[in-house]
Amino acid sequence: MTKREKEVLESWNRQARERYVDALESGDAALVEEWRSKFVVLTNLSRALENANSEVGA
């Protein structure tokens, strides 16, 4: 993963986390679940890409 790709992924993850926190504060259960699931997917994707890069020595 290039530095730019990592920055973009981190930005998406940060935005999803912020929207999740906003949803929690709003009390909207459907919105909370939507952003929680997006945050989890992005977090898992980040970890998988980091693991794959470390395995290939990138």
N, C-alpha and C. Protein backbone atom coordinates (compact mmCIF):
# COMPACT_ATOMS: atom_id res chain seq x y z
N MET A 1 0.86 -1.16 0.00
CA MET A 1 0.00 0.00 0.00
C MET A 1 0.91 1.23 0.00
N THR A 2 0.59 2.14 -0.87
CA THR A 2 1.39 3.37 -0.96
C THR A 2 1.04 4.30 0.21
N LYS A 3 1.88 5.28 0.41
CA LYS A 3 1.64 6.26 1.47
C LYS A 3 0.31 6.97 1.24
N ARG A 4 0.05 7.33 0.00
CA ARG A 4 -1.20 8.03 -0.34
C ARG A 4 -2.42 7.15 -0.08
N GLU A 5 -2.34 5.88 -0.47
CA GLU A 5 -3.46 4.96 -0.23
C GLU A 5 -3.73 4.82 1.27
N LYS A 6 -2.66 4.75 2.04
CA LYS A 6 -2.81 4.64 3.49
C LYS A 6 -3.45 5.90 4.06
N GLU A 7 -3.04 7.07 3.57
CA GLU A 7 -3.63 8.33 4.04
C GLU A 7 -5.13 8.39 3.72
N VAL A 8 -5.50 7.95 2.53
CA VAL A 8 -6.91 7.98 2.12
C VAL A 8 -7.72 7.04 3.01
N LEU A 9 -7.21 5.84 3.22
CA LEU A 9 -7.91 4.87 4.06
C LEU A 9 -8.05 5.38 5.49
N GLU A 10 -7.00 6.00 6.02
CA GLU A 10 -7.07 6.57 7.36
C GLU A 10 -8.09 7.70 7.42
N SER A 11 -8.16 8.50 6.37
CA SER A 11 -9.14 9.58 6.31
C SER A 11 -10.57 9.04 6.31
N TRP A 12 -10.82 8.02 5.51
CA TRP A 12 -12.16 7.40 5.48
C TRP A 12 -12.52 6.83 6.84
N ASN A 13 -11.54 6.17 7.47
CA ASN A 13 -11.76 5.57 8.77
C ASN A 13 -12.08 6.65 9.80
N ARG A 14 -11.34 7.73 9.79
CA ARG A 14 -11.57 8.84 10.72
C ARG A 14 -12.96 9.44 10.51
N GLN A 15 -13.34 9.63 9.24
CA GLN A 15 -14.66 10.20 8.95
C GLN A 15 -15.78 9.28 9.42
N ALA A 16 -15.62 7.98 9.20
CA ALA A 16 -16.63 7.02 9.64
C ALA A 16 -16.74 7.02 11.16
N ARG A 17 -15.61 7.08 11.84
CA ARG A 17 -15.61 7.12 13.31
C ARG A 17 -16.33 8.38 13.80
N GLU A 18 -16.04 9.53 13.15
CA GLU A 18 -16.69 10.78 13.55
C GLU A 18 -18.20 10.72 13.33
N ARG A 19 -18.61 10.15 12.20
CA ARG A 19 -20.06 10.04 11.92
C ARG A 19 -20.72 9.08 12.91
N TYR A 20 -19.99 8.03 13.29
CA TYR A 20 -20.50 7.08 14.28
C TYR A 20 -20.72 7.78 15.62
N VAL A 21 -19.75 8.56 16.05
CA VAL A 21 -19.89 9.30 17.31
C VAL A 21 -21.05 10.28 17.22
N ASP A 22 -21.18 10.97 16.09
CA ASP A 22 -22.30 11.89 15.90
C ASP A 22 -23.63 11.15 16.00
N ALA A 23 -23.69 9.96 15.39
CA ALA A 23 -24.92 9.16 15.43
C ALA A 23 -25.23 8.73 16.87
N LEU A 24 -24.19 8.34 17.61
CA LEU A 24 -24.41 7.97 19.01
C LEU A 24 -25.00 9.14 19.79
N GLU A 25 -24.46 10.32 19.56
CA GLU A 25 -24.94 11.50 20.26
C GLU A 25 -26.36 11.87 19.87
N SER A 26 -26.74 11.55 18.63
CA SER A 26 -28.10 11.87 18.17
C SER A 26 -29.14 10.91 18.72
N GLY A 27 -28.70 9.71 19.11
CA GLY A 27 -29.64 8.72 19.63
C GLY A 27 -30.38 7.96 18.55
N ASP A 28 -30.05 8.15 17.30
CA ASP A 28 -30.71 7.46 16.19
C ASP A 28 -30.10 6.07 16.02
N ALA A 29 -30.82 5.04 16.47
CA ALA A 29 -30.29 3.67 16.49
C ALA A 29 -29.93 3.17 15.09
N ALA A 30 -30.74 3.49 14.10
CA ALA A 30 -30.46 3.02 12.73
C ALA A 30 -29.19 3.67 12.20
N LEU A 31 -29.02 4.94 12.47
CA LEU A 31 -27.83 5.65 12.03
C LEU A 31 -26.59 5.14 12.77
N VAL A 32 -26.73 4.86 14.05
CA VAL A 32 -25.63 4.30 14.82
C VAL A 32 -25.17 3.00 14.19
N GLU A 33 -26.10 2.10 13.90
CA GLU A 33 -25.74 0.80 13.32
C GLU A 33 -25.11 0.95 11.94
N GLU A 34 -25.64 1.86 11.13
CA GLU A 34 -25.09 2.08 9.80
C GLU A 34 -23.62 2.51 9.87
N TRP A 35 -23.33 3.51 10.69
CA TRP A 35 -21.96 4.02 10.77
C TRP A 35 -21.04 3.10 11.54
N ARG A 36 -21.58 2.36 12.52
CA ARG A 36 -20.77 1.39 13.23
C ARG A 36 -20.29 0.31 12.27
N SER A 37 -21.19 -0.17 11.42
CA SER A 37 -20.81 -1.23 10.48
C SER A 37 -19.80 -0.71 9.45
N LYS A 38 -19.95 0.52 8.99
CA LYS A 38 -18.99 1.10 8.05
C LYS A 38 -17.62 1.27 8.70
N PHE A 39 -17.62 1.72 9.96
CA PHE A 39 -16.37 1.89 10.69
C PHE A 39 -15.67 0.55 10.87
N VAL A 40 -16.43 -0.49 11.21
CA VAL A 40 -15.86 -1.83 11.40
C VAL A 40 -15.27 -2.34 10.09
N VAL A 41 -15.97 -2.18 9.00
CA VAL A 41 -15.47 -2.65 7.69
C VAL A 41 -14.17 -1.94 7.34
N LEU A 42 -14.13 -0.63 7.50
CA LEU A 42 -12.91 0.13 7.17
C LEU A 42 -11.75 -0.25 8.09
N THR A 43 -12.04 -0.46 9.36
CA THR A 43 -11.00 -0.87 10.29
C THR A 43 -10.44 -2.24 9.91
N ASN A 44 -11.33 -3.17 9.59
CA ASN A 44 -10.89 -4.50 9.18
C ASN A 44 -10.11 -4.47 7.87
N LEU A 45 -10.53 -3.64 6.95
CA LEU A 45 -9.82 -3.50 5.68
C LEU A 45 -8.42 -2.94 5.92
N SER A 46 -8.32 -1.95 6.76
CA SER A 46 -7.00 -1.36 7.08
C SER A 46 -6.07 -2.41 7.66
N ARG A 47 -6.56 -3.18 8.61
CA ARG A 47 -5.75 -4.22 9.25
C ARG A 47 -5.32 -5.28 8.25
N ALA A 48 -6.26 -5.71 7.40
CA ALA A 48 -5.95 -6.74 6.41
C ALA A 48 -4.88 -6.25 5.43
N LEU A 49 -5.00 -5.00 4.98
CA LEU A 49 -4.00 -4.46 4.06
C LEU A 49 -2.64 -4.32 4.73
N GLU A 50 -2.62 -3.90 5.98
CA GLU A 50 -1.35 -3.79 6.70
C GLU A 50 -0.71 -5.16 6.88
N ASN A 51 -1.52 -6.16 7.22
CA ASN A 51 -1.01 -7.52 7.39
C ASN A 51 -0.48 -8.07 6.07
N ALA A 52 -1.20 -7.83 4.99
CA ALA A 52 -0.76 -8.32 3.68
C ALA A 52 0.55 -7.65 3.27
N ASN A 53 0.67 -6.36 3.53
CA ASN A 53 1.91 -5.65 3.19
C ASN A 53 3.08 -6.16 4.00
N SER A 54 2.85 -6.45 5.26
CA SER A 54 3.96 -6.94 6.09
C SER A 54 4.38 -8.34 5.67
N GLU A 55 3.44 -9.15 5.19
CA GLU A 55 3.76 -10.51 4.76
C GLU A 55 4.59 -10.54 3.49
N VAL A 56 4.36 -9.58 2.61
CA VAL A 56 5.12 -9.53 1.36
C VAL A 56 6.32 -8.63 1.47
N GLY A 57 6.49 -8.01 2.63
CA GLY A 57 7.64 -7.16 2.85
C GLY A 57 7.56 -5.83 2.14
N ALA A 58 6.35 -5.37 1.85
CA ALA A 58 6.17 -4.08 1.16
C ALA A 58 6.31 -2.93 2.10
